[in-house]
Amino acid sequence: MIRIEMSSEELDILRYEKYHYPHPLVQRKCDVLLLKAHGLPTSDIAKIFAITPNTVRNYLYEYLDGGIDNLKKIKYKGQPTTLLNHKNSIEDDFRMNPPASVVEAADRIEKLTEIKRGLTQTRQFMKRIGLKFRKTAPIPAKADAEVQEDFKKNSSCPGLSKLPRGGVWCFS
């Protein structure tokens, strides 16, 4: 049986963090520690939070190893996307012909890599590799046509000259 002894300052910190810390996992850890500090058995705490007793013990050991600061560490990093293996080929293709929409980008990525991704995942990947959405608009009637053509030719985004209106994803 693991016994937790905390000072009143630590209890106050836990009470505050259980409602104000931005990550819900840390909030749950604070809640578990508060209940344990008040003497509840590990099995009851596990039932209250619908987690295993081993998870409760892991939270307690985290606290014992490094205090409240150690509880705030999130060790989950997620899985890397498999699209990063094809980053260079996708980037080269998008530099030559920027996609006008996320739908077009997802379709071209699927054709290039045979990896199908949803629109949100495609949008996140495009932002990760440095693309930004640039909205284009029609040229006003009194605009200087020479300046507009010069901008299209000298812009860092070659796809601007191909789209009369709408938008395009460009590297910045």
N, C-alpha and C. Protein backbone atom coordinates (compact mmCIF):
# COMPACT_ATOMS: atom_id res chain seq x y z
N MET A 1 0.84 -1.18 0.00
CA MET A 1 0.00 0.00 0.00
C MET A 1 0.89 1.25 0.00
N ILE A 2 0.60 2.15 -0.90
CA ILE A 2 1.38 3.37 -1.04
C ILE A 2 0.71 4.47 -0.21
N ARG A 3 1.49 5.07 0.64
CA ARG A 3 0.98 6.18 1.46
C ARG A 3 1.55 7.50 0.91
N ILE A 4 0.65 8.47 0.79
CA ILE A 4 1.04 9.78 0.28
C ILE A 4 0.83 10.80 1.40
N GLU A 5 1.87 11.51 1.71
CA GLU A 5 1.80 12.59 2.70
C GLU A 5 2.13 13.89 1.96
N MET A 6 1.23 14.85 2.04
CA MET A 6 1.42 16.12 1.34
C MET A 6 1.25 17.28 2.29
N SER A 7 1.96 18.33 1.99
CA SER A 7 1.79 19.57 2.76
C SER A 7 0.53 20.28 2.28
N SER A 8 0.08 21.23 3.05
CA SER A 8 -1.13 21.96 2.66
C SER A 8 -0.90 22.77 1.38
N GLU A 9 0.36 23.23 1.16
CA GLU A 9 0.66 23.97 -0.07
C GLU A 9 0.52 23.07 -1.29
N GLU A 10 1.02 21.83 -1.17
CA GLU A 10 0.91 20.89 -2.28
C GLU A 10 -0.55 20.54 -2.56
N LEU A 11 -1.33 20.38 -1.50
CA LEU A 11 -2.77 20.10 -1.69
C LEU A 11 -3.46 21.26 -2.39
N ASP A 12 -3.09 22.49 -2.02
CA ASP A 12 -3.67 23.67 -2.67
C ASP A 12 -3.28 23.72 -4.15
N ILE A 13 -2.04 23.38 -4.45
CA ILE A 13 -1.59 23.36 -5.86
C ILE A 13 -2.38 22.32 -6.63
N LEU A 14 -2.55 21.13 -6.06
CA LEU A 14 -3.31 20.08 -6.73
C LEU A 14 -4.77 20.49 -6.95
N ARG A 15 -5.36 21.12 -5.94
CA ARG A 15 -6.76 21.57 -6.08
C ARG A 15 -6.88 22.60 -7.20
N TYR A 16 -5.91 23.48 -7.31
CA TYR A 16 -5.93 24.48 -8.37
C TYR A 16 -5.72 23.83 -9.73
N GLU A 17 -4.70 22.98 -9.85
CA GLU A 17 -4.34 22.39 -11.14
C GLU A 17 -5.41 21.44 -11.67
N LYS A 18 -6.18 20.81 -10.79
CA LYS A 18 -7.18 19.86 -11.27
C LYS A 18 -8.27 20.54 -12.07
N TYR A 19 -8.42 21.86 -11.94
CA TYR A 19 -9.40 22.60 -12.73
C TYR A 19 -8.78 23.52 -13.77
N HIS A 20 -7.54 23.93 -13.57
CA HIS A 20 -6.96 24.96 -14.42
C HIS A 20 -5.85 24.50 -15.34
N TYR A 21 -5.32 23.30 -15.16
CA TYR A 21 -4.24 22.86 -16.04
C TYR A 21 -4.83 22.56 -17.42
N PRO A 22 -4.16 22.95 -18.50
CA PRO A 22 -4.76 22.80 -19.83
C PRO A 22 -4.95 21.37 -20.32
N HIS A 23 -4.16 20.42 -19.84
CA HIS A 23 -4.27 19.05 -20.35
C HIS A 23 -5.13 18.21 -19.41
N PRO A 24 -6.17 17.53 -19.93
CA PRO A 24 -7.08 16.76 -19.08
C PRO A 24 -6.42 15.58 -18.35
N LEU A 25 -5.37 15.02 -18.93
CA LEU A 25 -4.69 13.91 -18.26
C LEU A 25 -4.05 14.38 -16.95
N VAL A 26 -3.44 15.55 -16.97
CA VAL A 26 -2.83 16.11 -15.77
C VAL A 26 -3.90 16.44 -14.74
N GLN A 27 -5.05 16.92 -15.20
CA GLN A 27 -6.17 17.19 -14.30
C GLN A 27 -6.60 15.91 -13.59
N ARG A 28 -6.68 14.82 -14.34
CA ARG A 28 -7.08 13.55 -13.74
C ARG A 28 -6.03 13.07 -12.74
N LYS A 29 -4.75 13.22 -13.08
CA LYS A 29 -3.69 12.81 -12.16
C LYS A 29 -3.79 13.59 -10.84
N CYS A 30 -4.07 14.88 -10.93
CA CYS A 30 -4.22 15.70 -9.72
C CYS A 30 -5.40 15.22 -8.89
N ASP A 31 -6.50 14.89 -9.56
CA ASP A 31 -7.67 14.37 -8.86
C ASP A 31 -7.35 13.06 -8.13
N VAL A 32 -6.66 12.16 -8.82
CA VAL A 32 -6.29 10.87 -8.22
C VAL A 32 -5.42 11.10 -6.99
N LEU A 33 -4.45 11.99 -7.09
CA LEU A 33 -3.58 12.25 -5.94
C LEU A 33 -4.33 12.87 -4.78
N LEU A 34 -5.28 13.76 -5.06
CA LEU A 34 -6.06 14.35 -3.98
C LEU A 34 -6.86 13.28 -3.23
N LEU A 35 -7.47 12.39 -3.98
CA LEU A 35 -8.23 11.32 -3.32
C LEU A 35 -7.32 10.42 -2.51
N LYS A 36 -6.15 10.11 -3.03
CA LYS A 36 -5.21 9.26 -2.31
C LYS A 36 -4.70 9.97 -1.06
N ALA A 37 -4.47 11.28 -1.16
CA ALA A 37 -4.01 12.05 -0.01
C ALA A 37 -5.06 12.08 1.10
N HIS A 38 -6.33 11.94 0.72
CA HIS A 38 -7.42 11.91 1.70
C HIS A 38 -7.69 10.51 2.22
N GLY A 39 -6.86 9.53 1.80
CA GLY A 39 -6.92 8.20 2.40
C GLY A 39 -7.76 7.17 1.67
N LEU A 40 -8.26 7.45 0.47
CA LEU A 40 -9.04 6.44 -0.25
C LEU A 40 -8.13 5.33 -0.74
N PRO A 41 -8.61 4.10 -0.73
CA PRO A 41 -7.81 2.98 -1.25
C PRO A 41 -7.65 3.07 -2.77
N THR A 42 -6.58 2.50 -3.26
CA THR A 42 -6.27 2.52 -4.69
C THR A 42 -7.38 1.89 -5.51
N SER A 43 -7.96 0.80 -5.04
CA SER A 43 -9.01 0.12 -5.81
C SER A 43 -10.25 1.00 -5.94
N ASP A 44 -10.59 1.75 -4.90
CA ASP A 44 -11.75 2.65 -4.98
C ASP A 44 -11.49 3.81 -5.95
N ILE A 45 -10.29 4.34 -5.89
CA ILE A 45 -9.93 5.43 -6.81
C ILE A 45 -10.00 4.93 -8.25
N ALA A 46 -9.52 3.70 -8.49
CA ALA A 46 -9.55 3.12 -9.83
C ALA A 46 -10.99 2.98 -10.32
N LYS A 47 -11.89 2.58 -9.45
CA LYS A 47 -13.31 2.44 -9.83
C LYS A 47 -13.93 3.79 -10.13
N ILE A 48 -13.61 4.80 -9.33
CA ILE A 48 -14.18 6.14 -9.54
C ILE A 48 -13.79 6.69 -10.91
N PHE A 49 -12.54 6.51 -11.30
CA PHE A 49 -12.06 7.08 -12.57
C PHE A 49 -12.11 6.11 -13.74
N ALA A 50 -12.57 4.88 -13.49
CA ALA A 50 -12.65 3.84 -14.52
C ALA A 50 -11.28 3.59 -15.16
N ILE A 51 -10.27 3.49 -14.31
CA ILE A 51 -8.92 3.14 -14.75
C ILE A 51 -8.46 1.95 -13.92
N THR A 52 -7.36 1.36 -14.30
CA THR A 52 -6.88 0.19 -13.56
C THR A 52 -6.12 0.63 -12.30
N PRO A 53 -6.07 -0.23 -11.32
CA PRO A 53 -5.29 0.10 -10.12
C PRO A 53 -3.81 0.34 -10.44
N ASN A 54 -3.29 -0.35 -11.45
CA ASN A 54 -1.89 -0.11 -11.85
C ASN A 54 -1.68 1.32 -12.35
N THR A 55 -2.66 1.86 -13.05
CA THR A 55 -2.55 3.24 -13.52
C THR A 55 -2.53 4.19 -12.33
N VAL A 56 -3.39 3.93 -11.35
CA VAL A 56 -3.38 4.76 -10.14
C VAL A 56 -2.01 4.69 -9.48
N ARG A 57 -1.46 3.49 -9.36
CA ARG A 57 -0.13 3.34 -8.75
C ARG A 57 0.94 4.07 -9.56
N ASN A 58 0.83 4.00 -10.88
CA ASN A 58 1.81 4.72 -11.73
C ASN A 58 1.76 6.22 -11.46
N TYR A 59 0.55 6.78 -11.32
CA TYR A 59 0.42 8.21 -11.00
C TYR A 59 1.06 8.51 -9.65
N LEU A 60 0.86 7.63 -8.68
CA LEU A 60 1.43 7.83 -7.35
C LEU A 60 2.95 7.77 -7.39
N TYR A 61 3.48 6.81 -8.14
CA TYR A 61 4.94 6.69 -8.27
C TYR A 61 5.52 7.91 -8.99
N GLU A 62 4.80 8.43 -9.99
CA GLU A 62 5.26 9.65 -10.67
C GLU A 62 5.40 10.79 -9.67
N TYR A 63 4.39 10.91 -8.80
CA TYR A 63 4.45 11.97 -7.79
C TYR A 63 5.61 11.73 -6.82
N LEU A 64 5.76 10.50 -6.37
CA LEU A 64 6.83 10.20 -5.41
C LEU A 64 8.22 10.41 -6.02
N ASP A 65 8.34 10.15 -7.33
CA ASP A 65 9.64 10.31 -7.99
C ASP A 65 10.04 11.77 -8.21
N GLY A 66 9.05 12.64 -8.53
CA GLY A 66 9.43 14.00 -8.88
C GLY A 66 8.48 15.08 -8.44
N GLY A 67 7.52 14.74 -7.62
CA GLY A 67 6.58 15.74 -7.12
C GLY A 67 5.54 16.14 -8.17
N ILE A 68 4.92 17.26 -7.93
CA ILE A 68 3.84 17.73 -8.80
C ILE A 68 4.36 18.08 -10.19
N ASP A 69 5.59 18.58 -10.28
CA ASP A 69 6.16 18.91 -11.59
C ASP A 69 6.28 17.67 -12.47
N ASN A 70 6.59 16.54 -11.86
CA ASN A 70 6.71 15.29 -12.62
C ASN A 70 5.34 14.83 -13.12
N LEU A 71 4.28 15.13 -12.38
CA LEU A 71 2.92 14.77 -12.82
C LEU A 71 2.53 15.52 -14.09
N LYS A 72 3.07 16.71 -14.27
CA LYS A 72 2.68 17.55 -15.41
C LYS A 72 3.35 17.15 -16.71
N LYS A 73 4.25 16.20 -16.67
CA LYS A 73 4.93 15.76 -17.90
C LYS A 73 4.04 14.78 -18.64
N ILE A 74 3.81 15.07 -19.92
CA ILE A 74 3.04 14.18 -20.78
C ILE A 74 4.04 13.41 -21.63
N LYS A 75 4.03 12.11 -21.51
CA LYS A 75 5.04 11.29 -22.19
C LYS A 75 4.58 10.78 -23.55
N TYR A 76 3.29 10.93 -23.87
CA TYR A 76 2.78 10.44 -25.13
C TYR A 76 3.12 11.42 -26.24
N LYS A 77 3.76 10.95 -27.29
CA LYS A 77 4.17 11.82 -28.39
C LYS A 77 3.39 11.56 -29.67
N GLY A 78 2.57 10.52 -29.72
CA GLY A 78 1.83 10.21 -30.92
C GLY A 78 2.68 9.44 -31.92
N GLN A 79 2.07 9.11 -33.03
CA GLN A 79 2.78 8.37 -34.07
C GLN A 79 3.18 9.32 -35.19
N PRO A 80 4.38 9.17 -35.73
CA PRO A 80 4.76 10.02 -36.85
C PRO A 80 3.97 9.63 -38.10
N THR A 81 3.65 10.59 -38.92
CA THR A 81 2.90 10.31 -40.14
C THR A 81 3.78 9.64 -41.18
N THR A 82 3.21 8.70 -41.90
CA THR A 82 3.97 8.00 -42.95
C THR A 82 4.19 8.91 -44.16
N LEU A 83 3.46 10.01 -44.22
CA LEU A 83 3.66 10.95 -45.33
C LEU A 83 5.02 11.63 -45.27
N LEU A 84 5.63 11.68 -44.09
CA LEU A 84 6.94 12.32 -43.98
C LEU A 84 8.00 11.58 -44.78
N ASN A 85 7.79 10.28 -45.04
CA ASN A 85 8.73 9.53 -45.88
C ASN A 85 8.70 10.02 -47.32
N HIS A 86 7.58 10.62 -47.73
CA HIS A 86 7.39 11.10 -49.10
C HIS A 86 7.42 12.63 -49.18
N LYS A 87 7.90 13.27 -48.13
CA LYS A 87 7.84 14.73 -48.03
C LYS A 87 8.49 15.42 -49.22
N ASN A 88 9.66 14.97 -49.62
CA ASN A 88 10.40 15.65 -50.70
C ASN A 88 9.65 15.57 -52.03
N SER A 89 9.12 14.40 -52.36
CA SER A 89 8.41 14.28 -53.64
C SER A 89 7.12 15.10 -53.64
N ILE A 90 6.42 15.12 -52.51
CA ILE A 90 5.19 15.91 -52.42
C ILE A 90 5.53 17.39 -52.50
N GLU A 91 6.57 17.80 -51.80
CA GLU A 91 6.98 19.20 -51.80
C GLU A 91 7.38 19.65 -53.20
N ASP A 92 8.14 18.83 -53.91
CA ASP A 92 8.56 19.18 -55.28
C ASP A 92 7.35 19.32 -56.19
N ASP A 93 6.40 18.39 -56.08
CA ASP A 93 5.20 18.44 -56.91
C ASP A 93 4.38 19.69 -56.61
N PHE A 94 4.24 20.02 -55.31
CA PHE A 94 3.45 21.19 -54.93
C PHE A 94 4.15 22.50 -55.29
N ARG A 95 5.49 22.50 -55.33
CA ARG A 95 6.20 23.71 -55.74
C ARG A 95 5.98 23.98 -57.24
N MET A 96 5.95 22.91 -58.03
CA MET A 96 5.76 23.08 -59.47
C MET A 96 4.32 23.48 -59.80
N ASN A 97 3.37 22.92 -59.07
CA ASN A 97 1.96 23.19 -59.35
C ASN A 97 1.20 23.18 -58.02
N PRO A 98 1.11 24.33 -57.34
CA PRO A 98 0.45 24.37 -56.04
C PRO A 98 -1.02 23.97 -56.14
N PRO A 99 -1.51 23.20 -55.16
CA PRO A 99 -2.92 22.81 -55.19
C PRO A 99 -3.82 23.99 -54.86
N ALA A 100 -4.97 24.04 -55.49
CA ALA A 100 -5.91 25.13 -55.26
C ALA A 100 -6.79 24.88 -54.05
N SER A 101 -6.85 23.63 -53.58
CA SER A 101 -7.69 23.32 -52.43
C SER A 101 -7.10 22.13 -51.69
N VAL A 102 -7.62 21.89 -50.51
CA VAL A 102 -7.18 20.75 -49.73
C VAL A 102 -7.65 19.46 -50.40
N VAL A 103 -8.81 19.49 -51.02
CA VAL A 103 -9.32 18.32 -51.71
C VAL A 103 -8.38 17.92 -52.84
N GLU A 104 -7.95 18.92 -53.62
CA GLU A 104 -7.00 18.65 -54.70
C GLU A 104 -5.68 18.12 -54.14
N ALA A 105 -5.21 18.71 -53.04
CA ALA A 105 -3.95 18.27 -52.43
C ALA A 105 -4.06 16.83 -51.95
N ALA A 106 -5.17 16.47 -51.30
CA ALA A 106 -5.35 15.10 -50.81
C ALA A 106 -5.39 14.12 -51.97
N ASP A 107 -6.04 14.50 -53.06
CA ASP A 107 -6.10 13.63 -54.24
C ASP A 107 -4.72 13.44 -54.86
N ARG A 108 -3.95 14.52 -54.97
CA ARG A 108 -2.61 14.42 -55.56
C ARG A 108 -1.66 13.64 -54.65
N ILE A 109 -1.79 13.81 -53.34
CA ILE A 109 -0.95 13.05 -52.41
C ILE A 109 -1.26 11.57 -52.54
N GLU A 110 -2.54 11.24 -52.67
CA GLU A 110 -2.92 9.83 -52.83
C GLU A 110 -2.36 9.25 -54.13
N LYS A 111 -2.38 10.03 -55.20
CA LYS A 111 -1.84 9.55 -56.48
C LYS A 111 -0.31 9.39 -56.41
N LEU A 112 0.36 10.31 -55.70
CA LEU A 112 1.82 10.25 -55.60
C LEU A 112 2.31 9.13 -54.68
N THR A 113 1.63 8.94 -53.55
CA THR A 113 2.15 8.05 -52.51
C THR A 113 1.31 6.80 -52.26
N GLU A 114 0.10 6.76 -52.82
CA GLU A 114 -0.86 5.69 -52.56
C GLU A 114 -1.27 5.64 -51.09
N ILE A 115 -1.17 6.77 -50.41
CA ILE A 115 -1.61 6.90 -49.02
C ILE A 115 -2.79 7.85 -49.00
N LYS A 116 -3.93 7.36 -48.55
CA LYS A 116 -5.14 8.18 -48.51
C LYS A 116 -5.26 8.82 -47.14
N ARG A 117 -5.46 10.14 -47.12
CA ARG A 117 -5.65 10.89 -45.89
C ARG A 117 -6.90 11.75 -46.01
N GLY A 118 -7.52 12.02 -44.88
CA GLY A 118 -8.68 12.90 -44.84
C GLY A 118 -8.26 14.35 -45.02
N LEU A 119 -9.25 15.21 -45.11
CA LEU A 119 -8.96 16.62 -45.37
C LEU A 119 -8.22 17.28 -44.20
N THR A 120 -8.62 16.96 -42.97
CA THR A 120 -7.95 17.56 -41.82
C THR A 120 -6.50 17.10 -41.74
N GLN A 121 -6.26 15.81 -41.95
CA GLN A 121 -4.89 15.31 -41.91
C GLN A 121 -4.06 15.91 -43.03
N THR A 122 -4.66 16.06 -44.20
CA THR A 122 -3.95 16.66 -45.33
C THR A 122 -3.61 18.11 -45.02
N ARG A 123 -4.56 18.86 -44.47
CA ARG A 123 -4.33 20.26 -44.13
C ARG A 123 -3.20 20.38 -43.10
N GLN A 124 -3.21 19.51 -42.08
CA GLN A 124 -2.16 19.55 -41.06
C GLN A 124 -0.81 19.21 -41.67
N PHE A 125 -0.76 18.23 -42.56
CA PHE A 125 0.50 17.86 -43.20
C PHE A 125 1.02 19.01 -44.05
N MET A 126 0.13 19.66 -44.79
CA MET A 126 0.55 20.77 -45.64
C MET A 126 1.12 21.92 -44.80
N LYS A 127 0.50 22.19 -43.66
CA LYS A 127 1.03 23.23 -42.78
C LYS A 127 2.37 22.80 -42.19
N ARG A 128 2.52 21.51 -41.89
CA ARG A 128 3.76 21.00 -41.30
C ARG A 128 4.93 21.16 -42.27
N ILE A 129 4.68 20.97 -43.57
CA ILE A 129 5.79 21.09 -44.53
C ILE A 129 6.00 22.53 -44.99
N GLY A 130 5.21 23.47 -44.46
CA GLY A 130 5.47 24.89 -44.71
C GLY A 130 4.55 25.56 -45.72
N LEU A 131 3.45 24.94 -46.07
CA LEU A 131 2.52 25.56 -47.00
C LEU A 131 1.55 26.48 -46.26
N LYS A 132 1.17 27.56 -46.91
CA LYS A 132 0.16 28.46 -46.36
C LYS A 132 -0.86 28.74 -47.46
N PHE A 133 -2.12 28.91 -47.06
CA PHE A 133 -3.15 29.20 -48.04
C PHE A 133 -3.12 30.69 -48.36
N ARG A 134 -3.02 31.00 -49.63
CA ARG A 134 -3.02 32.38 -50.09
C ARG A 134 -4.27 32.58 -50.95
N LYS A 135 -5.10 33.48 -50.54
CA LYS A 135 -6.32 33.73 -51.27
C LYS A 135 -6.05 34.78 -52.35
N THR A 136 -6.46 34.46 -53.55
CA THR A 136 -6.32 35.42 -54.65
C THR A 136 -7.69 36.03 -54.93
N ALA A 137 -7.68 37.18 -55.54
CA ALA A 137 -8.93 37.88 -55.83
C ALA A 137 -8.86 38.46 -57.23
N PRO A 138 -10.01 38.80 -57.79
CA PRO A 138 -9.99 39.40 -59.11
C PRO A 138 -9.29 40.76 -59.08
N ILE A 139 -8.72 41.13 -60.21
CA ILE A 139 -8.02 42.40 -60.32
C ILE A 139 -9.06 43.51 -60.44
N PRO A 140 -8.94 44.56 -59.63
CA PRO A 140 -9.90 45.67 -59.74
C PRO A 140 -9.80 46.35 -61.11
N ALA A 141 -10.84 47.01 -61.49
CA ALA A 141 -10.91 47.62 -62.82
C ALA A 141 -9.82 48.65 -63.04
N LYS A 142 -9.45 49.40 -62.04
CA LYS A 142 -8.48 50.46 -62.21
C LYS A 142 -7.07 50.04 -61.78
N ALA A 143 -6.82 48.77 -61.67
CA ALA A 143 -5.49 48.30 -61.24
C ALA A 143 -4.50 48.43 -62.39
N ASP A 144 -3.24 48.54 -62.03
CA ASP A 144 -2.18 48.64 -63.01
C ASP A 144 -1.85 47.22 -63.49
N ALA A 145 -2.16 46.90 -64.71
CA ALA A 145 -2.00 45.56 -65.25
C ALA A 145 -0.53 45.14 -65.27
N GLU A 146 0.38 46.08 -65.55
CA GLU A 146 1.80 45.74 -65.58
C GLU A 146 2.31 45.34 -64.20
N VAL A 147 1.88 46.05 -63.17
CA VAL A 147 2.29 45.72 -61.80
C VAL A 147 1.75 44.34 -61.41
N GLN A 148 0.51 44.07 -61.80
CA GLN A 148 -0.09 42.77 -61.50
C GLN A 148 0.69 41.64 -62.17
N GLU A 149 1.01 41.79 -63.43
CA GLU A 149 1.76 40.76 -64.15
C GLU A 149 3.15 40.58 -63.56
N ASP A 150 3.79 41.70 -63.18
CA ASP A 150 5.10 41.61 -62.56
C ASP A 150 5.02 40.85 -61.24
N PHE A 151 3.97 41.10 -60.46
CA PHE A 151 3.79 40.38 -59.20
C PHE A 151 3.61 38.89 -59.45
N LYS A 152 2.81 38.53 -60.44
CA LYS A 152 2.58 37.12 -60.74
C LYS A 152 3.87 36.43 -61.16
N LYS A 153 4.69 37.11 -61.95
CA LYS A 153 5.93 36.51 -62.44
C LYS A 153 7.00 36.42 -61.36
N ASN A 154 7.09 37.41 -60.50
CA ASN A 154 8.16 37.47 -59.50
C ASN A 154 7.74 36.95 -58.13
N SER A 155 6.52 36.46 -58.01
CA SER A 155 6.05 35.95 -56.73
C SER A 155 6.77 34.66 -56.38
N SER A 156 6.86 34.37 -55.09
CA SER A 156 7.50 33.12 -54.66
C SER A 156 6.60 31.92 -54.91
N CYS A 157 5.39 32.16 -55.39
CA CYS A 157 4.43 31.09 -55.62
C CYS A 157 4.08 31.03 -57.10
N PRO A 158 4.61 30.04 -57.84
CA PRO A 158 4.37 30.00 -59.28
C PRO A 158 2.91 29.73 -59.64
N GLY A 159 2.12 29.18 -58.75
CA GLY A 159 0.74 28.86 -59.04
C GLY A 159 -0.16 30.07 -59.11
N LEU A 160 0.30 31.24 -58.65
CA LEU A 160 -0.54 32.43 -58.67
C LEU A 160 -0.91 32.83 -60.10
N SER A 161 -0.02 32.61 -61.03
CA SER A 161 -0.30 33.03 -62.40
C SER A 161 -1.34 32.13 -63.06
N LYS A 162 -1.58 30.95 -62.50
CA LYS A 162 -2.51 30.00 -63.11
C LYS A 162 -3.94 30.18 -62.64
N LEU A 163 -4.15 30.85 -61.50
CA LEU A 163 -5.47 30.96 -60.92
C LEU A 163 -6.01 32.38 -61.02
N PRO A 164 -7.11 32.60 -61.76
CA PRO A 164 -7.65 33.93 -61.88
C PRO A 164 -8.30 34.39 -60.57
N ARG A 165 -8.93 33.48 -59.80
CA ARG A 165 -9.49 33.81 -58.51
C ARG A 165 -9.62 32.54 -57.69
N GLY A 166 -9.91 32.67 -56.41
CA GLY A 166 -9.99 31.51 -55.55
C GLY A 166 -8.82 31.53 -54.60
N GLY A 167 -8.00 30.49 -54.62
CA GLY A 167 -6.87 30.45 -53.72
C GLY A 167 -5.88 29.41 -54.14
N VAL A 168 -4.76 29.40 -53.49
CA VAL A 168 -3.71 28.45 -53.79
C VAL A 168 -2.85 28.26 -52.55
N TRP A 169 -2.33 27.05 -52.37
CA TRP A 169 -1.41 26.78 -51.27
C TRP A 169 0.00 27.07 -51.75
N CYS A 170 0.74 27.92 -51.00
CA CYS A 170 2.08 28.30 -51.41
C CYS A 170 3.06 28.12 -50.25
N PHE A 171 4.31 27.88 -50.59
CA PHE A 171 5.37 27.87 -49.60
C PHE A 171 5.73 29.31 -49.28
N SER A 172 5.97 29.57 -48.01
CA SER A 172 6.34 30.96 -47.67
C SER A 172 7.76 31.00 -47.18
